[in-house]
Amino acid sequence: ESGGGLVQPGGSLKLSCAASGIIFSGNAMGWYRQARGHQRDLVGLT
């Protein structure tokens, strides 16, 4: 993953997830997030 950082409220960021050693096409994938002290939660899945 890349693209994270500090941003002000109301701003935007674009994260990237670059893969190697795997076939992308036809596979499900997505993003999760984990805030400090919390469980890992689903952001989205495609």
PDB file of all heavy atoms in Angstrom:
ATOM      1  N   GLU A   1       0.835  -1.195   0.000  1.00  0.00           N
ATOM      2  CA  GLU A   1       0.000   0.000   0.000  1.00  0.00           C
ATOM      3  C   GLU A   1       0.873   1.249   0.000  1.00  0.00           C
ATOM      4  O   GLU A   1       1.985   1.249   0.538  1.00  0.00           O
ATOM      5  CB  GLU A   1      -0.911   0.050   1.235  1.00  0.00           C
ATOM      6  CG  GLU A   1      -1.890  -1.104   1.363  1.00  0.00           C
ATOM      7  CD  GLU A   1      -1.415  -2.142   2.338  1.00  0.00           C
ATOM      8  OE1 GLU A   1      -0.206  -2.267   2.529  1.00  0.00           O
ATOM      9  OE2 GLU A   1      -2.277  -2.849   2.919  1.00  0.00           O
ATOM     10  N   SER A   2       0.344   2.309  -0.566  1.00  0.00           N
ATOM     11  CA  SER A   2       1.003   3.605  -0.544  1.00  0.00           C
ATOM     12  C   SER A   2      -0.042   4.698  -0.652  1.00  0.00           C
ATOM     13  O   SER A   2      -1.200   4.418  -0.979  1.00  0.00           O
ATOM     14  CB  SER A   2       2.019   3.720  -1.688  1.00  0.00           C
ATOM     15  OG  SER A   2       1.376   3.612  -2.935  1.00  0.00           O
ATOM     16  N   GLY A   3       0.377   5.928  -0.371  1.00  0.00           N
ATOM     17  CA  GLY A   3      -0.518   7.064  -0.523  1.00  0.00           C
ATOM     18  C   GLY A   3      -1.082   7.612   0.768  1.00  0.00           C
ATOM     19  O   GLY A   3      -1.800   8.616   0.750  1.00  0.00           O
ATOM     20  N   GLY A   4      -0.788   6.967   1.872  1.00  0.00           N
ATOM     21  CA  GLY A   4      -1.280   7.476   3.144  1.00  0.00           C
ATOM     22  C   GLY A   4      -0.559   8.741   3.568  1.00  0.00           C
ATOM     23  O   GLY A   4       0.431   9.143   2.957  1.00  0.00           O
ATOM     24  N   GLY A   5      -1.075   9.367   4.611  1.00  0.00           N
ATOM     25  CA  GLY A   5      -0.444  10.576   5.107  1.00  0.00           C
ATOM     26  C   GLY A   5      -1.382  11.381   5.970  1.00  0.00           C
ATOM     27  O   GLY A   5      -2.425  10.876   6.417  1.00  0.00           O
ATOM     28  N   LEU A   6      -1.016  12.628   6.178  1.00  0.00           N
ATOM     29  CA  LEU A   6      -1.803  13.557   6.988  1.00  0.00           C
ATOM     30  C   LEU A   6      -2.616  14.461   6.070  1.00  0.00           C
ATOM     31  O   LEU A   6      -2.065  15.039   5.117  1.00  0.00           O
ATOM     32  CB  LEU A   6      -0.873  14.395   7.865  1.00  0.00           C
ATOM     33  CG  LEU A   6      -1.509  15.512   8.684  1.00  0.00           C
ATOM     34  CD1 LEU A   6      -2.469  14.940   9.726  1.00  0.00           C
ATOM     35  CD2 LEU A   6      -0.428  16.358   9.348  1.00  0.00           C
ATOM     36  N   VAL A   7      -3.896  14.575   6.364  1.00  0.00           N
ATOM     37  CA  VAL A   7      -4.765  15.426   5.560  1.00  0.00           C
ATOM     38  C   VAL A   7      -5.747  16.135   6.482  1.00  0.00           C
ATOM     39  O   VAL A   7      -6.111  15.609   7.542  1.00  0.00           O
ATOM     40  CB  VAL A   7      -5.510  14.583   4.492  1.00  0.00           C
ATOM     41  CG1 VAL A   7      -6.417  13.549   5.144  1.00  0.00           C
ATOM     42  CG2 VAL A   7      -6.278  15.454   3.527  1.00  0.00           C
ATOM     43  N   GLN A   8      -6.163  17.319   6.097  1.00  0.00           N
ATOM     44  CA  GLN A   8      -7.114  18.081   6.901  1.00  0.00           C
ATOM     45  C   GLN A   8      -8.529  17.560   6.688  1.00  0.00           C
ATOM     46  O   GLN A   8      -8.837  16.989   5.629  1.00  0.00           O
ATOM     47  CB  GLN A   8      -7.049  19.562   6.522  1.00  0.00           C
ATOM     48  CG  GLN A   8      -5.753  20.228   6.919  1.00  0.00           C
ATOM     49  CD  GLN A   8      -5.784  21.722   6.685  1.00  0.00           C
ATOM     50  OE1 GLN A   8      -6.615  22.234   5.943  1.00  0.00           O
ATOM     51  NE2 GLN A   8      -4.881  22.439   7.328  1.00  0.00           N
ATOM     52  N   PRO A   9      -9.393  17.747   7.665  1.00  0.00           N
ATOM     53  CA  PRO A   9     -10.802  17.358   7.483  1.00  0.00           C
ATOM     54  C   PRO A   9     -11.381  18.001   6.231  1.00  0.00           C
ATOM     55  O   PRO A   9     -11.125  19.183   5.953  1.00  0.00           O
ATOM     56  CB  PRO A   9     -11.468  17.888   8.750  1.00  0.00           C
ATOM     57  CG  PRO A   9     -10.376  17.873   9.770  1.00  0.00           C
ATOM     58  CD  PRO A   9      -9.124  18.256   9.018  1.00  0.00           C
ATOM     59  N   GLY A  10     -12.145  17.204   5.492  1.00  0.00           N
ATOM     60  CA  GLY A  10     -12.714  17.670   4.235  1.00  0.00           C
ATOM     61  C   GLY A  10     -11.824  17.426   3.035  1.00  0.00           C
ATOM     62  O   GLY A  10     -12.266  17.593   1.890  1.00  0.00           O
ATOM     63  N   GLY A  11     -10.590  17.020   3.281  1.00  0.00           N
ATOM     64  CA  GLY A  11      -9.653  16.782   2.192  1.00  0.00           C
ATOM     65  C   GLY A  11      -9.809  15.408   1.565  1.00  0.00           C
ATOM     66  O   GLY A  11     -10.710  14.631   1.921  1.00  0.00           O
ATOM     67  N   SER A  12      -8.896  15.119   0.637  1.00  0.00           N
ATOM     68  CA  SER A  12      -8.933  13.861  -0.102  1.00  0.00           C
ATOM     69  C   SER A  12      -7.564  13.197  -0.108  1.00  0.00           C
ATOM     70  O   SER A  12      -6.531  13.867  -0.009  1.00  0.00           O
ATOM     71  CB  SER A  12      -9.363  14.099  -1.551  1.00  0.00           C
ATOM     72  OG  SER A  12     -10.662  14.642  -1.624  1.00  0.00           O
ATOM     73  N   LEU A  13      -7.583  11.890  -0.224  1.00  0.00           N
ATOM     74  CA  LEU A  13      -6.386  11.092  -0.421  1.00  0.00           C
ATOM     75  C   LEU A  13      -6.725   9.938  -1.337  1.00  0.00           C
ATOM     76  O   LEU A  13      -7.879   9.475  -1.358  1.00  0.00           O
ATOM     77  CB  LEU A  13      -5.855  10.519   0.901  1.00  0.00           C
ATOM     78  CG  LEU A  13      -4.968  11.374   1.792  1.00  0.00           C
ATOM     79  CD1 LEU A  13      -4.630  10.601   3.062  1.00  0.00           C
ATOM     80  CD2 LEU A  13      -3.707  11.805   1.082  1.00  0.00           C
ATOM     81  N   LYS A  14      -5.723   9.457  -2.065  1.00  0.00           N
ATOM     82  CA  LYS A  14      -5.907   8.272  -2.887  1.00  0.00           C
ATOM     83  C   LYS A  14      -4.847   7.248  -2.524  1.00  0.00           C
ATOM     84  O   LYS A  14      -3.645   7.507  -2.656  1.00  0.00           O
ATOM     85  CB  LYS A  14      -5.815   8.613  -4.376  1.00  0.00           C
ATOM     86  CG  LYS A  14      -6.162   7.443  -5.289  1.00  0.00           C
ATOM     87  CD  LYS A  14      -6.211   7.870  -6.749  1.00  0.00           C
ATOM     88  CE  LYS A  14      -6.654   6.745  -7.659  1.00  0.00           C
ATOM     89  NZ  LYS A  14      -6.767   7.173  -9.080  1.00  0.00           N
ATOM     90  N   LEU A  15      -5.296   6.116  -2.040  1.00  0.00           N
ATOM     91  CA  LEU A  15      -4.401   5.024  -1.688  1.00  0.00           C
ATOM     92  C   LEU A  15      -4.246   4.071  -2.862  1.00  0.00           C
ATOM     93  O   LEU A  15      -5.176   3.904  -3.657  1.00  0.00           O
ATOM     94  CB  LEU A  15      -4.923   4.253  -0.476  1.00  0.00           C
ATOM     95  CG  LEU A  15      -5.245   5.058   0.777  1.00  0.00           C
ATOM     96  CD1 LEU A  15      -5.676   4.110   1.898  1.00  0.00           C
ATOM     97  CD2 LEU A  15      -4.080   5.906   1.203  1.00  0.00           C
ATOM     98  N   SER A  16      -3.078   3.460  -2.939  1.00  0.00           N
ATOM     99  CA  SER A  16      -2.817   2.446  -3.959  1.00  0.00           C
ATOM    100  C   SER A  16      -2.392   1.147  -3.284  1.00  0.00           C
ATOM    101  O   SER A  16      -1.778   1.163  -2.221  1.00  0.00           O
ATOM    102  CB  SER A  16      -1.718   2.913  -4.912  1.00  0.00           C
ATOM    103  OG  SER A  16      -2.072   4.085  -5.595  1.00  0.00           O
ATOM    104  N   CYS A  17      -2.712   0.059  -3.933  1.00  0.00           N
ATOM    105  CA  CYS A  17      -2.287  -1.266  -3.481  1.00  0.00           C
ATOM    106  C   CYS A  17      -1.711  -1.971  -4.697  1.00  0.00           C
ATOM    107  O   CYS A  17      -2.451  -2.378  -5.598  1.00  0.00           O
ATOM    108  CB  CYS A  17      -3.458  -2.040  -2.911  1.00  0.00           C
ATOM    109  SG  CYS A  17      -3.088  -3.760  -2.476  1.00  0.00           S
ATOM    110  N   ALA A  18      -0.397  -2.098  -4.714  1.00  0.00           N
ATOM    111  CA  ALA A  18       0.286  -2.723  -5.842  1.00  0.00           C
ATOM    112  C   ALA A  18       0.600  -4.176  -5.503  1.00  0.00           C
ATOM    113  O   ALA A  18       1.153  -4.468  -4.441  1.00  0.00           O
ATOM    114  CB  ALA A  18       1.573  -1.975  -6.155  1.00  0.00           C
ATOM    115  N   ALA A  19       0.227  -5.062  -6.401  1.00  0.00           N
ATOM    116  CA  ALA A  19       0.383  -6.498  -6.154  1.00  0.00           C
ATOM    117  C   ALA A  19       1.454  -7.109  -7.043  1.00  0.00           C
ATOM    118  O   ALA A  19       1.722  -6.624  -8.149  1.00  0.00           O
ATOM    119  CB  ALA A  19      -0.946  -7.208  -6.392  1.00  0.00           C
ATOM    120  N   SER A  20       2.044  -8.163  -6.546  1.00  0.00           N
ATOM    121  CA  SER A  20       2.972  -8.963  -7.347  1.00  0.00           C
ATOM    122  C   SER A  20       2.820 -10.417  -6.940  1.00  0.00           C
ATOM    123  O   SER A  20       2.389 -10.716  -5.826  1.00  0.00           O
ATOM    124  CB  SER A  20       4.418  -8.504  -7.154  1.00  0.00           C
ATOM    125  OG  SER A  20       4.798  -8.620  -5.807  1.00  0.00           O
ATOM    126  N   GLY A  21       3.109 -11.313  -7.871  1.00  0.00           N
ATOM    127  CA  GLY A  21       3.026 -12.734  -7.575  1.00  0.00           C
ATOM    128  C   GLY A  21       1.621 -13.278  -7.486  1.00  0.00           C
ATOM    129  O   GLY A  21       1.402 -14.355  -6.917  1.00  0.00           O
ATOM    130  N   ILE A  22       0.671 -12.568  -8.061  1.00  0.00           N
ATOM    131  CA  ILE A  22      -0.719 -12.971  -7.934  1.00  0.00           C
ATOM    132  C   ILE A  22      -1.478 -12.564  -9.191  1.00  0.00           C
ATOM    133  O   ILE A  22      -1.127 -11.578  -9.833  1.00  0.00           O
ATOM    134  CB  ILE A  22      -1.362 -12.330  -6.688  1.00  0.00           C
ATOM    135  CG1 ILE A  22      -2.672 -13.007  -6.326  1.00  0.00           C
ATOM    136  CG2 ILE A  22      -1.563 -10.834  -6.880  1.00  0.00           C
ATOM    137  CD1 ILE A  22      -3.220 -12.560  -4.984  1.00  0.00           C
ATOM    138  N   ILE A  23      -2.482 -13.343  -9.526  1.00  0.00           N
ATOM    139  CA  ILE A  23      -3.353 -12.971 -10.635  1.00  0.00           C
ATOM    140  C   ILE A  23      -4.464 -12.080 -10.106  1.00  0.00           C
ATOM    141  O   ILE A  23      -5.156 -12.434  -9.164  1.00  0.00           O
ATOM    142  CB  ILE A  23      -3.954 -14.225 -11.299  1.00  0.00           C
ATOM    143  CG1 ILE A  23      -2.833 -15.068 -11.926  1.00  0.00           C
ATOM    144  CG2 ILE A  23      -4.976 -13.833 -12.353  1.00  0.00           C
ATOM    145  CD1 ILE A  23      -3.309 -16.386 -12.485  1.00  0.00           C
ATOM    146  N   PHE A  24      -4.615 -10.904 -10.696  1.00  0.00           N
ATOM    147  CA  PHE A  24      -5.610  -9.954 -10.231  1.00  0.00           C
ATOM    148  C   PHE A  24      -6.989 -10.240 -10.813  1.00  0.00           C
ATOM    149  O   PHE A  24      -7.986 -10.234 -10.109  1.00  0.00           O
ATOM    150  CB  PHE A  24      -5.175  -8.537 -10.647  1.00  0.00           C
ATOM    151  CG  PHE A  24      -5.029  -7.587  -9.521  1.00  0.00           C
ATOM    152  CD1 PHE A  24      -4.380  -7.949  -8.359  1.00  0.00           C
ATOM    153  CD2 PHE A  24      -5.528  -6.303  -9.611  1.00  0.00           C
ATOM    154  CE1 PHE A  24      -4.233  -7.072  -7.310  1.00  0.00           C
ATOM    155  CE2 PHE A  24      -5.389  -5.414  -8.572  1.00  0.00           C
ATOM    156  CZ  PHE A  24      -4.747  -5.788  -7.419  1.00  0.00           C
ATOM    157  N   SER A  25      -6.986 -10.479 -12.103  1.00  0.00           N
ATOM    158  CA  SER A  25      -8.247 -10.575 -12.830  1.00  0.00           C
ATOM    159  C   SER A  25      -9.128 -11.682 -12.267  1.00  0.00           C
ATOM    160  O   SER A  25      -8.677 -12.806 -12.053  1.00  0.00           O
ATOM    161  CB  SER A  25      -7.959 -10.848 -14.303  1.00  0.00           C
ATOM    162  OG  SER A  25      -9.166 -10.935 -15.031  1.00  0.00           O
ATOM    163  N   GLY A  26     -10.394 -11.336 -12.012  1.00  0.00           N
ATOM    164  CA  GLY A  26     -11.365 -12.312 -11.550  1.00  0.00           C
ATOM    165  C   GLY A  26     -11.388 -12.540 -10.066  1.00  0.00           C
ATOM    166  O   GLY A  26     -12.257 -13.247  -9.556  1.00  0.00           O
ATOM    167  N   ASN A  27     -10.477 -11.941  -9.327  1.00  0.00           N
ATOM    168  CA  ASN A  27     -10.421 -12.134  -7.879  1.00  0.00           C
ATOM    169  C   ASN A  27     -11.079 -10.984  -7.127  1.00  0.00           C
ATOM    170  O   ASN A  27     -11.037  -9.840  -7.569  1.00  0.00           O
ATOM    171  CB  ASN A  27      -8.975 -12.267  -7.417  1.00  0.00           C
ATOM    172  CG  ASN A  27      -8.350 -13.572  -7.848  1.00  0.00           C
ATOM    173  OD1 ASN A  27      -9.012 -14.608  -7.882  1.00  0.00           O
ATOM    174  ND2 ASN A  27      -7.073 -13.538  -8.181  1.00  0.00           N
ATOM    175  N   ALA A  28     -11.671 -11.315  -6.001  1.00  0.00           N
ATOM    176  CA  ALA A  28     -12.224 -10.295  -5.124  1.00  0.00           C
ATOM    177  C   ALA A  28     -11.092  -9.613  -4.360  1.00  0.00           C
ATOM    178  O   ALA A  28     -10.074 -10.235  -4.036  1.00  0.00           O
ATOM    179  CB  ALA A  28     -13.208 -10.910  -4.145  1.00  0.00           C
ATOM    180  N   MET A  29     -11.289  -8.342  -4.063  1.00  0.00           N
ATOM    181  CA  MET A  29     -10.288  -7.590  -3.317  1.00  0.00           C
ATOM    182  C   MET A  29     -10.938  -6.406  -2.659  1.00  0.00           C
ATOM    183  O   MET A  29     -12.067  -6.034  -3.015  1.00  0.00           O
ATOM    184  CB  MET A  29      -9.156  -7.151  -4.243  1.00  0.00           C
ATOM    185  CG  MET A  29      -9.581  -6.291  -5.401  1.00  0.00           C
ATOM    186  SD  MET A  29      -8.242  -6.072  -6.596  1.00  0.00           S
ATOM    187  CE  MET A  29      -8.051  -7.733  -7.204  1.00  0.00           C
ATOM    188  N   GLY A  30     -10.246  -5.796  -1.706  1.00  0.00           N
ATOM    189  CA  GLY A  30     -10.853  -4.658  -1.056  1.00  0.00           C
ATOM    190  C   GLY A  30      -9.925  -4.004  -0.052  1.00  0.00           C
ATOM    191  O   GLY A  30      -8.717  -4.240  -0.052  1.00  0.00           O
ATOM    192  N   TRP A  31     -10.543  -3.204   0.796  1.00  0.00           N
ATOM    193  CA  TRP A  31      -9.811  -2.443   1.801  1.00  0.00           C
ATOM    194  C   TRP A  31     -10.473  -2.604   3.164  1.00  0.00           C
ATOM    195  O   TRP A  31     -11.697  -2.630   3.268  1.00  0.00           O
ATOM    196  CB  TRP A  31      -9.803  -0.962   1.428  1.00  0.00           C
ATOM    197  CG  TRP A  31      -9.046  -0.637   0.193  1.00  0.00           C
ATOM    198  CD1 TRP A  31      -9.522  -0.642  -1.092  1.00  0.00           C
ATOM    199  CD2 TRP A  31      -7.666  -0.255   0.107  1.00  0.00           C
ATOM    200  NE1 TRP A  31      -8.527  -0.292  -1.967  1.00  0.00           N
ATOM    201  CE2 TRP A  31      -7.383  -0.047  -1.260  1.00  0.00           C
ATOM    202  CE3 TRP A  31      -6.656  -0.055   1.036  1.00  0.00           C
ATOM    203  CZ2 TRP A  31      -6.120   0.343  -1.707  1.00  0.00           C
ATOM    204  CZ3 TRP A  31      -5.399   0.328   0.610  1.00  0.00           C
ATOM    205  CH2 TRP A  31      -5.137   0.525  -0.752  1.00  0.00           C
ATOM    206  N   TYR A  32      -9.643  -2.706   4.181  1.00  0.00           N
ATOM    207  CA  TYR A  32     -10.069  -2.666   5.576  1.00  0.00           C
ATOM    208  C   TYR A  32      -9.291  -1.532   6.258  1.00  0.00           C
ATOM    209  O   TYR A  32      -8.281  -1.051   5.741  1.00  0.00           O
ATOM    210  CB  TYR A  32      -9.747  -3.986   6.281  1.00  0.00           C
ATOM    211  CG  TYR A  32     -10.737  -5.091   6.019  1.00  0.00           C
ATOM    212  CD1 TYR A  32     -10.747  -5.771   4.808  1.00  0.00           C
ATOM    213  CD2 TYR A  32     -11.662  -5.457   6.992  1.00  0.00           C
ATOM    214  CE1 TYR A  32     -11.661  -6.794   4.574  1.00  0.00           C
ATOM    215  CE2 TYR A  32     -12.575  -6.476   6.775  1.00  0.00           C
ATOM    216  CZ  TYR A  32     -12.560  -7.140   5.558  1.00  0.00           C
ATOM    217  OH  TYR A  32     -13.471  -8.147   5.331  1.00  0.00           O
ATOM    218  N   ARG A  33      -9.766  -1.150   7.424  1.00  0.00           N
ATOM    219  CA  ARG A  33      -9.040  -0.178   8.212  1.00  0.00           C
ATOM    220  C   ARG A  33      -9.142  -0.524   9.687  1.00  0.00           C
ATOM    221  O   ARG A  33     -10.108  -1.149  10.128  1.00  0.00           O
ATOM    222  CB  ARG A  33      -9.544   1.237   7.956  1.00  0.00           C
ATOM    223  CG  ARG A  33     -10.954   1.506   8.439  1.00  0.00           C
ATOM    224  CD  ARG A  33     -11.388   2.913   8.028  1.00  0.00           C
ATOM    225  NE  ARG A  33     -12.720   3.240   8.527  1.00  0.00           N
ATOM    226  CZ  ARG A  33     -13.358   4.378   8.242  1.00  0.00           C
ATOM    227  NH1 ARG A  33     -12.786   5.286   7.470  1.00  0.00           N
ATOM    228  NH2 ARG A  33     -14.555   4.602   8.743  1.00  0.00           N
ATOM    229  N   GLN A  34      -8.127  -0.086  10.423  1.00  0.00           N
ATOM    230  CA  GLN A  34      -8.098  -0.346  11.857  1.00  0.00           C
ATOM    231  C   GLN A  34      -7.605   0.888  12.582  1.00  0.00           C
ATOM    232  O   GLN A  34      -6.452   1.309  12.412  1.00  0.00           O
ATOM    233  CB  GLN A  34      -7.196  -1.541  12.171  1.00  0.00           C
ATOM    234  CG  GLN A  34      -7.243  -1.979  13.619  1.00  0.00           C
ATOM    235  CD  GLN A  34      -6.568  -3.321  13.844  1.00  0.00           C
ATOM    236  OE1 GLN A  34      -5.774  -3.792  13.041  1.00  0.00           O
ATOM    237  NE2 GLN A  34      -6.901  -3.965  14.953  1.00  0.00           N
ATOM    238  N   ALA A  35      -8.496   1.466  13.353  1.00  0.00           N
ATOM    239  CA  ALA A  35      -8.131   2.598  14.201  1.00  0.00           C
ATOM    240  C   ALA A  35      -7.529   2.067  15.500  1.00  0.00           C
ATOM    241  O   ALA A  35      -7.813   0.946  15.918  1.00  0.00           O
ATOM    242  CB  ALA A  35      -9.354   3.454  14.491  1.00  0.00           C
ATOM    243  N   ARG A  36      -6.725   2.876  16.122  1.00  0.00           N
ATOM    244  CA  ARG A  36      -6.051   2.459  17.358  1.00  0.00           C
ATOM    245  C   ARG A  36      -7.087   2.060  18.406  1.00  0.00           C
ATOM    246  O   ARG A  36      -8.019   2.799  18.690  1.00  0.00           O
ATOM    247  CB  ARG A  36      -5.170   3.583  17.870  1.00  0.00           C
ATOM    248  CG  ARG A  36      -4.304   3.207  19.050  1.00  0.00           C
ATOM    249  CD  ARG A  36      -3.359   4.337  19.410  1.00  0.00           C
ATOM    250  NE  ARG A  36      -2.453   4.639  18.301  1.00  0.00           N
ATOM    251  CZ  ARG A  36      -1.556   5.616  18.348  1.00  0.00           C
ATOM    252  NH1 ARG A  36      -1.463   6.374  19.427  1.00  0.00           N
ATOM    253  NH2 ARG A  36      -0.763   5.826  17.331  1.00  0.00           N
ATOM    254  N   GLY A  37      -6.911   0.870  18.951  1.00  0.00           N
ATOM    255  CA  GLY A  37      -7.816   0.406  19.988  1.00  0.00           C
ATOM    256  C   GLY A  37      -9.124  -0.177  19.476  1.00  0.00           C
ATOM    257  O   GLY A  37     -10.005  -0.504  20.272  1.00  0.00           O
ATOM    258  N   HIS A  38      -9.252  -0.309  18.170  1.00  0.00           N
ATOM    259  CA  HIS A  38     -10.479  -0.835  17.575  1.00  0.00           C
ATOM    260  C   HIS A  38     -10.171  -2.072  16.724  1.00  0.00           C
ATOM    261  O   HIS A  38      -9.030  -2.331  16.369  1.00  0.00           O
ATOM    262  CB  HIS A  38     -11.151   0.226  16.711  1.00  0.00           C
ATOM    263  CG  HIS A  38     -11.721   1.361  17.489  1.00  0.00           C
ATOM    264  ND1 HIS A  38     -10.956   2.384  18.000  1.00  0.00           N
ATOM    265  CD2 HIS A  38     -12.997   1.648  17.855  1.00  0.00           C
ATOM    266  CE1 HIS A  38     -11.725   3.237  18.634  1.00  0.00           C
ATOM    267  NE2 HIS A  38     -12.966   2.811  18.572  1.00  0.00           N
ATOM    268  N   GLN A  39     -11.208  -2.792  16.385  1.00  0.00           N
ATOM    269  CA  GLN A  39     -11.043  -3.948  15.513  1.00  0.00           C
ATOM    270  C   GLN A  39     -10.887  -3.478  14.077  1.00  0.00           C
ATOM    271  O   GLN A  39     -11.162  -2.329  13.745  1.00  0.00           O
ATOM    272  CB  GLN A  39     -12.257  -4.869  15.630  1.00  0.00           C
ATOM    273  CG  GLN A  39     -13.554  -4.243  15.106  1.00  0.00           C
ATOM    274  CD  GLN A  39     -14.753  -5.174  15.250  1.00  0.00           C
ATOM    275  OE1 GLN A  39     -14.717  -6.145  16.006  1.00  0.00           O
ATOM    276  NE2 GLN A  39     -15.819  -4.903  14.519  1.00  0.00           N
ATOM    277  N   ARG A  40     -10.428  -4.397  13.234  1.00  0.00           N
ATOM    278  CA  ARG A  40     -10.287  -4.085  11.806  1.00  0.00           C
ATOM    279  C   ARG A  40     -11.660  -4.150  11.152  1.00  0.00           C
ATOM    280  O   ARG A  40     -12.373  -5.146  11.265  1.00  0.00           O
ATOM    281  CB  ARG A  40      -9.330  -5.089  11.161  1.00  0.00           C
ATOM    282  CG  ARG A  40      -8.857  -4.688   9.786  1.00  0.00           C
ATOM    283  CD  ARG A  40      -7.737  -5.592   9.298  1.00  0.00           C
ATOM    284  NE  ARG A  40      -6.525  -5.463  10.110  1.00  0.00           N
ATOM    285  CZ  ARG A  40      -5.357  -6.004   9.765  1.00  0.00           C
ATOM    286  NH1 ARG A  40      -5.251  -6.715   8.647  1.00  0.00           N
ATOM    287  NH2 ARG A  40      -4.312  -5.849  10.547  1.00  0.00           N
ATOM    288  N   ASP A  41     -12.028  -3.087  10.468  1.00  0.00           N
ATOM    289  CA  ASP A  41     -13.356  -2.979   9.860  1.00  0.00           C
ATOM    290  C   ASP A  41     -13.276  -2.901   8.336  1.00  0.00           C
ATOM    291  O   ASP A  41     -12.317  -2.361   7.785  1.00  0.00           O
ATOM    292  CB  ASP A  41     -14.077  -1.723  10.368  1.00  0.00           C
ATOM    293  CG  ASP A  41     -14.446  -1.809  11.836  1.00  0.00           C
ATOM    294  OD1 ASP A  41     -14.747  -2.927  12.306  1.00  0.00           O
ATOM    295  OD2 ASP A  41     -14.421  -0.758  12.503  1.00  0.00           O
ATOM    296  N   LEU A  42     -14.324  -3.391   7.704  1.00  0.00           N
ATOM    297  CA  LEU A  42     -14.398  -3.343   6.252  1.00  0.00           C
ATOM    298  C   LEU A  42     -14.634  -1.916   5.762  1.00  0.00           C
ATOM    299  O   LEU A  42     -15.526  -1.225   6.240  1.00  0.00           O
ATOM    300  CB  LEU A  42     -15.536  -4.242   5.761  1.00  0.00           C
ATOM    301  CG  LEU A  42     -15.802  -4.204   4.260  1.00  0.00           C
ATOM    302  CD1 LEU A  42     -14.671  -4.861   3.491  1.00  0.00           C
ATOM    303  CD2 LEU A  42     -17.141  -4.872   3.940  1.00  0.00           C
ATOM    304  N   VAL A  43     -13.824  -1.498   4.808  1.00  0.00           N
ATOM    305  CA  VAL A  43     -14.062  -0.235   4.113  1.00  0.00           C
ATOM    306  C   VAL A  43     -14.894  -0.507   2.861  1.00  0.00           C
ATOM    307  O   VAL A  43     -15.910   0.124   2.614  1.00  0.00           O
ATOM    308  CB  VAL A  43     -12.732   0.441   3.724  1.00  0.00           C
ATOM    309  CG1 VAL A  43     -12.984   1.666   2.859  1.00  0.00           C
ATOM    310  CG2 VAL A  43     -11.949   0.814   4.978  1.00  0.00           C
ATOM    311  N   GLY A  44     -14.456  -1.448   2.065  1.00  0.00           N
ATOM    312  CA  GLY A  44     -15.181  -1.812   0.859  1.00  0.00           C
ATOM    313  C   GLY A  44     -14.586  -3.041   0.224  1.00  0.00           C
ATOM    314  O   GLY A  44     -13.418  -3.374   0.458  1.00  0.00           O
ATOM    315  N   LEU A  45     -15.391  -3.710  -0.582  1.00  0.00           N
ATOM    316  CA  LEU A  45     -14.964  -4.940  -1.222  1.00  0.00           C
ATOM    317  C   LEU A  45     -15.509  -4.969  -2.644  1.00  0.00           C
ATOM    318  O   LEU A  45     -16.677  -4.642  -2.861  1.00  0.00           O
ATOM    319  CB  LEU A  45     -15.493  -6.141  -0.442  1.00  0.00           C
ATOM    320  CG  LEU A  45     -14.930  -7.505  -0.793  1.00  0.00           C
ATOM    321  CD1 LEU A  45     -13.462  -7.580  -0.421  1.00  0.00           C
ATOM    322  CD2 LEU A  45     -15.696  -8.583  -0.052  1.00  0.00           C
ATOM    323  N   THR A  46     -14.653  -5.343  -3.591  1.00  0.00           N
ATOM    324  CA  THR A  46     -15.083  -5.458  -4.976  1.00  0.00           C
ATOM    325  C   THR A  46     -14.861  -6.884  -5.457  1.00  0.00           C
ATOM    326  O   THR A  46     -13.812  -7.482  -5.197  1.00  0.00           O
ATOM    327  CB  THR A  46     -14.344  -4.444  -5.867  1.00  0.00           C
ATOM    328  OG1 THR A  46     -14.800  -4.569  -7.206  1.00  0.00           O
ATOM    329  CG2 THR A  46     -12.839  -4.629  -5.827  1.00  0.00           C
TER     330      THR A  46
END
